[in-house]
């Protein structure tokens, strides 16, 4: 993976931290059980997403692009289909 693509992935995961979807699902479950707090107050990952959406007009621009990502997207038969080296 080129260095520039790695840097873009780091920036992407700053905007969309790993585990934010699980936190969102957990928050929705908590809401059904009567929790009144905001998601951003309970989960730091959701707070980061909220802050980044407020500060950014186009949050999807941070999605990395590059050779490594294309190879992953094009892989259909597992490891045997991808030649990374």
N, C-alpha and C. Protein backbone atom coordinates (compact mmCIF):
# COMPACT_ATOMS: atom_id res chain seq x y z
N UNK A 1 0.86 -1.16 0.00
CA UNK A 1 0.00 0.00 0.00
C UNK A 1 0.91 1.23 0.00
N UNK A 2 0.64 2.16 -0.89
CA UNK A 2 1.44 3.39 -0.90
C UNK A 2 1.22 4.21 0.37
N UNK A 3 2.22 4.99 0.73
CA UNK A 3 2.16 5.81 1.93
C UNK A 3 0.99 6.78 1.89
N UNK A 4 0.73 7.37 0.73
CA UNK A 4 -0.37 8.33 0.63
C UNK A 4 -1.71 7.68 0.92
N UNK A 5 -1.89 6.43 0.49
CA UNK A 5 -3.14 5.73 0.77
C UNK A 5 -3.25 5.41 2.26
N UNK A 6 -2.13 5.04 2.89
CA UNK A 6 -2.13 4.77 4.32
C UNK A 6 -2.54 6.01 5.11
N UNK A 7 -2.02 7.15 4.72
CA UNK A 7 -2.37 8.41 5.39
C UNK A 7 -3.86 8.70 5.24
N UNK A 8 -4.40 8.43 4.06
CA UNK A 8 -5.84 8.65 3.85
C UNK A 8 -6.68 7.71 4.71
N UNK A 9 -6.22 6.46 4.89
CA UNK A 9 -6.93 5.53 5.75
C UNK A 9 -6.90 6.02 7.20
N UNK A 10 -5.77 6.53 7.64
CA UNK A 10 -5.67 7.06 9.01
C UNK A 10 -6.66 8.20 9.20
N UNK A 11 -6.73 9.09 8.23
CA UNK A 11 -7.68 10.20 8.31
C UNK A 11 -9.12 9.69 8.30
N UNK A 12 -9.39 8.68 7.49
CA UNK A 12 -10.73 8.11 7.42
C UNK A 12 -11.15 7.55 8.78
N UNK A 13 -10.25 6.81 9.42
CA UNK A 13 -10.61 6.22 10.70
C UNK A 13 -10.67 7.24 11.83
N UNK A 14 -10.09 8.41 11.62
CA UNK A 14 -10.30 9.49 12.58
C UNK A 14 -11.73 10.03 12.46
N UNK A 15 -12.24 10.07 11.23
CA UNK A 15 -13.59 10.55 11.00
C UNK A 15 -14.64 9.49 11.30
N UNK A 16 -14.33 8.24 11.07
CA UNK A 16 -15.25 7.11 11.30
C UNK A 16 -14.53 6.06 12.13
N UNK A 17 -14.48 6.25 13.45
CA UNK A 17 -13.73 5.32 14.31
C UNK A 17 -14.27 3.90 14.24
N UNK A 18 -13.37 2.96 14.39
CA UNK A 18 -13.76 1.55 14.40
C UNK A 18 -14.72 1.31 15.56
N UNK A 19 -15.82 0.63 15.29
CA UNK A 19 -16.79 0.30 16.32
C UNK A 19 -17.95 1.26 16.44
N UNK A 20 -18.01 2.28 15.60
CA UNK A 20 -19.09 3.26 15.75
C UNK A 20 -20.46 2.65 15.41
N UNK A 21 -20.49 1.71 14.49
CA UNK A 21 -21.79 1.10 14.16
C UNK A 21 -22.32 0.27 15.32
N UNK A 22 -21.43 -0.46 15.99
CA UNK A 22 -21.85 -1.23 17.16
C UNK A 22 -22.37 -0.30 18.26
N UNK A 23 -21.67 0.83 18.43
CA UNK A 23 -22.13 1.81 19.42
C UNK A 23 -23.50 2.38 19.05
N UNK A 24 -23.72 2.61 17.76
CA UNK A 24 -25.01 3.13 17.31
C UNK A 24 -26.11 2.11 17.59
N UNK A 25 -25.85 0.84 17.30
CA UNK A 25 -26.86 -0.20 17.57
C UNK A 25 -27.13 -0.32 19.06
N UNK A 26 -26.09 -0.26 19.86
CA UNK A 26 -26.26 -0.34 21.31
C UNK A 26 -27.07 0.84 21.82
N UNK A 27 -26.79 2.02 21.28
CA UNK A 27 -27.55 3.20 21.68
C UNK A 27 -29.03 3.05 21.34
N UNK A 28 -29.32 2.52 20.16
CA UNK A 28 -30.72 2.33 19.78
C UNK A 28 -31.41 1.34 20.72
N UNK A 29 -30.68 0.31 21.13
CA UNK A 29 -31.24 -0.65 22.10
C UNK A 29 -31.48 0.03 23.44
N UNK A 30 -30.54 0.86 23.87
CA UNK A 30 -30.71 1.58 25.13
C UNK A 30 -31.91 2.52 25.08
N UNK A 31 -32.12 3.15 23.92
CA UNK A 31 -33.27 4.05 23.77
C UNK A 31 -34.59 3.29 23.94
N UNK A 32 -34.64 2.06 23.41
CA UNK A 32 -35.88 1.29 23.55
C UNK A 32 -36.12 0.88 25.00
N UNK A 33 -35.05 0.90 25.80
CA UNK A 33 -35.17 0.55 27.21
C UNK A 33 -35.39 1.78 28.08
N UNK A 34 -35.50 2.95 27.45
CA UNK A 34 -35.86 4.14 28.20
C UNK A 34 -34.74 5.12 28.50
N UNK A 35 -33.56 4.92 27.99
CA UNK A 35 -32.45 5.85 28.24
C UNK A 35 -32.74 7.15 27.50
N UNK A 36 -32.61 8.27 28.19
CA UNK A 36 -32.94 9.58 27.61
C UNK A 36 -31.71 10.36 27.15
N UNK A 37 -30.51 9.92 27.48
CA UNK A 37 -29.29 10.64 27.13
C UNK A 37 -29.04 10.61 25.63
N UNK A 38 -28.29 11.59 25.14
CA UNK A 38 -27.91 11.63 23.74
C UNK A 38 -26.83 10.58 23.48
N UNK A 39 -26.79 10.10 22.25
CA UNK A 39 -25.79 9.11 21.86
C UNK A 39 -24.38 9.68 22.03
N UNK A 40 -24.21 10.96 21.72
CA UNK A 40 -22.90 11.60 21.81
C UNK A 40 -22.40 11.69 23.25
N UNK A 41 -23.32 11.72 24.20
CA UNK A 41 -22.93 11.80 25.61
C UNK A 41 -22.47 10.45 26.15
N UNK A 42 -22.94 9.37 25.55
CA UNK A 42 -22.62 8.03 26.04
C UNK A 42 -21.41 7.44 25.32
N UNK A 43 -21.35 7.61 24.00
CA UNK A 43 -20.32 6.95 23.20
C UNK A 43 -19.39 7.98 22.54
N UNK A 44 -18.10 7.93 22.85
CA UNK A 44 -17.15 8.88 22.24
C UNK A 44 -17.05 8.73 20.73
N UNK A 45 -17.22 7.51 20.21
CA UNK A 45 -17.14 7.33 18.75
C UNK A 45 -18.26 8.09 18.05
N UNK A 46 -19.44 8.07 18.61
CA UNK A 46 -20.56 8.80 18.01
C UNK A 46 -20.40 10.30 18.17
N UNK A 47 -19.74 10.73 19.24
CA UNK A 47 -19.46 12.15 19.43
C UNK A 47 -18.52 12.64 18.32
N UNK A 48 -17.48 11.85 18.01
CA UNK A 48 -16.54 12.23 16.94
C UNK A 48 -17.24 12.33 15.60
N UNK A 49 -18.13 11.41 15.31
CA UNK A 49 -18.85 11.44 14.05
C UNK A 49 -19.73 12.68 13.98
N UNK A 50 -20.41 12.98 15.05
CA UNK A 50 -21.29 14.17 15.09
C UNK A 50 -20.48 15.44 14.88
N UNK A 51 -19.34 15.56 15.55
CA UNK A 51 -18.48 16.74 15.40
C UNK A 51 -17.98 16.86 13.97
N UNK A 52 -17.55 15.74 13.38
CA UNK A 52 -17.03 15.78 12.02
C UNK A 52 -18.12 16.09 11.00
N UNK A 53 -19.34 15.65 11.23
CA UNK A 53 -20.43 15.98 10.32
C UNK A 53 -20.80 17.45 10.39
N UNK A 54 -20.70 18.02 11.57
CA UNK A 54 -20.98 19.45 11.73
C UNK A 54 -19.91 20.28 11.03
N UNK A 55 -18.64 19.87 11.17
CA UNK A 55 -17.52 20.63 10.62
C UNK A 55 -17.29 20.39 9.13
N UNK A 56 -17.87 19.35 8.57
CA UNK A 56 -17.60 19.00 7.18
C UNK A 56 -18.89 19.05 6.37
N UNK A 57 -18.79 19.62 5.19
CA UNK A 57 -19.94 19.66 4.29
C UNK A 57 -20.13 18.33 3.58
N UNK A 58 -19.01 17.64 3.27
CA UNK A 58 -19.07 16.38 2.53
C UNK A 58 -18.27 15.31 3.27
N UNK A 59 -18.86 14.60 4.23
CA UNK A 59 -18.11 13.62 5.01
C UNK A 59 -17.60 12.44 4.20
N UNK A 60 -18.23 12.12 3.05
CA UNK A 60 -17.79 10.99 2.26
C UNK A 60 -16.53 11.26 1.46
N UNK A 61 -16.06 12.50 1.42
CA UNK A 61 -14.83 12.82 0.71
C UNK A 61 -13.62 12.18 1.38
N UNK A 62 -13.74 11.80 2.63
CA UNK A 62 -12.61 11.24 3.35
C UNK A 62 -12.37 9.77 3.00
N UNK A 63 -13.25 9.14 2.24
CA UNK A 63 -13.09 7.73 1.90
C UNK A 63 -11.84 7.58 1.05
N UNK A 64 -10.89 6.75 1.50
CA UNK A 64 -9.64 6.59 0.77
C UNK A 64 -9.85 5.94 -0.60
N UNK A 65 -8.95 6.25 -1.49
CA UNK A 65 -8.95 5.64 -2.81
C UNK A 65 -7.52 5.20 -3.09
N UNK A 66 -7.37 4.08 -3.77
CA UNK A 66 -6.03 3.65 -4.11
C UNK A 66 -6.01 2.23 -4.62
N UNK A 67 -4.81 1.79 -4.98
CA UNK A 67 -4.61 0.48 -5.56
C UNK A 67 -5.00 -0.63 -4.61
N UNK A 68 -4.58 -0.54 -3.37
CA UNK A 68 -4.86 -1.58 -2.39
C UNK A 68 -6.37 -1.75 -2.19
N UNK A 69 -7.08 -0.64 -2.09
CA UNK A 69 -8.53 -0.69 -1.91
C UNK A 69 -9.20 -1.32 -3.13
N UNK A 70 -8.75 -0.99 -4.32
CA UNK A 70 -9.32 -1.58 -5.53
C UNK A 70 -9.09 -3.08 -5.58
N UNK A 71 -7.91 -3.53 -5.16
CA UNK A 71 -7.65 -4.97 -5.12
C UNK A 71 -8.57 -5.67 -4.13
N UNK A 72 -8.82 -5.04 -2.99
CA UNK A 72 -9.73 -5.63 -2.02
C UNK A 72 -11.16 -5.68 -2.56
N UNK A 73 -11.58 -4.62 -3.21
CA UNK A 73 -12.93 -4.58 -3.76
C UNK A 73 -13.13 -5.61 -4.88
N UNK A 74 -12.09 -5.84 -5.67
CA UNK A 74 -12.20 -6.75 -6.80
C UNK A 74 -12.02 -8.21 -6.42
N UNK A 75 -11.59 -8.48 -5.21
CA UNK A 75 -11.37 -9.86 -4.77
C UNK A 75 -12.73 -10.53 -4.57
N UNK A 76 -12.94 -11.63 -5.27
CA UNK A 76 -14.20 -12.35 -5.15
C UNK A 76 -14.01 -13.78 -4.68
N UNK A 77 -12.78 -14.28 -4.73
CA UNK A 77 -12.53 -15.67 -4.37
C UNK A 77 -11.58 -15.78 -3.18
N UNK A 78 -11.62 -14.81 -2.30
CA UNK A 78 -10.76 -14.86 -1.12
C UNK A 78 -9.32 -14.52 -1.45
N UNK A 79 -8.40 -15.06 -0.70
CA UNK A 79 -6.99 -14.75 -0.86
C UNK A 79 -6.41 -15.24 -2.18
N UNK A 80 -6.96 -16.28 -2.75
CA UNK A 80 -6.41 -16.82 -3.97
C UNK A 80 -6.63 -15.88 -5.16
N UNK A 81 -7.58 -14.98 -5.05
CA UNK A 81 -7.91 -14.07 -6.14
C UNK A 81 -7.10 -12.77 -6.10
N UNK A 82 -6.43 -12.49 -4.99
CA UNK A 82 -5.72 -11.23 -4.82
C UNK A 82 -4.23 -11.47 -4.84
N UNK A 83 -3.55 -10.77 -5.72
CA UNK A 83 -2.09 -10.83 -5.76
C UNK A 83 -1.57 -9.48 -5.29
N UNK A 84 -1.22 -9.41 -4.02
CA UNK A 84 -0.81 -8.14 -3.43
C UNK A 84 0.65 -7.82 -3.70
N UNK A 85 1.43 -8.80 -4.11
CA UNK A 85 2.87 -8.56 -4.29
C UNK A 85 3.30 -8.74 -5.71
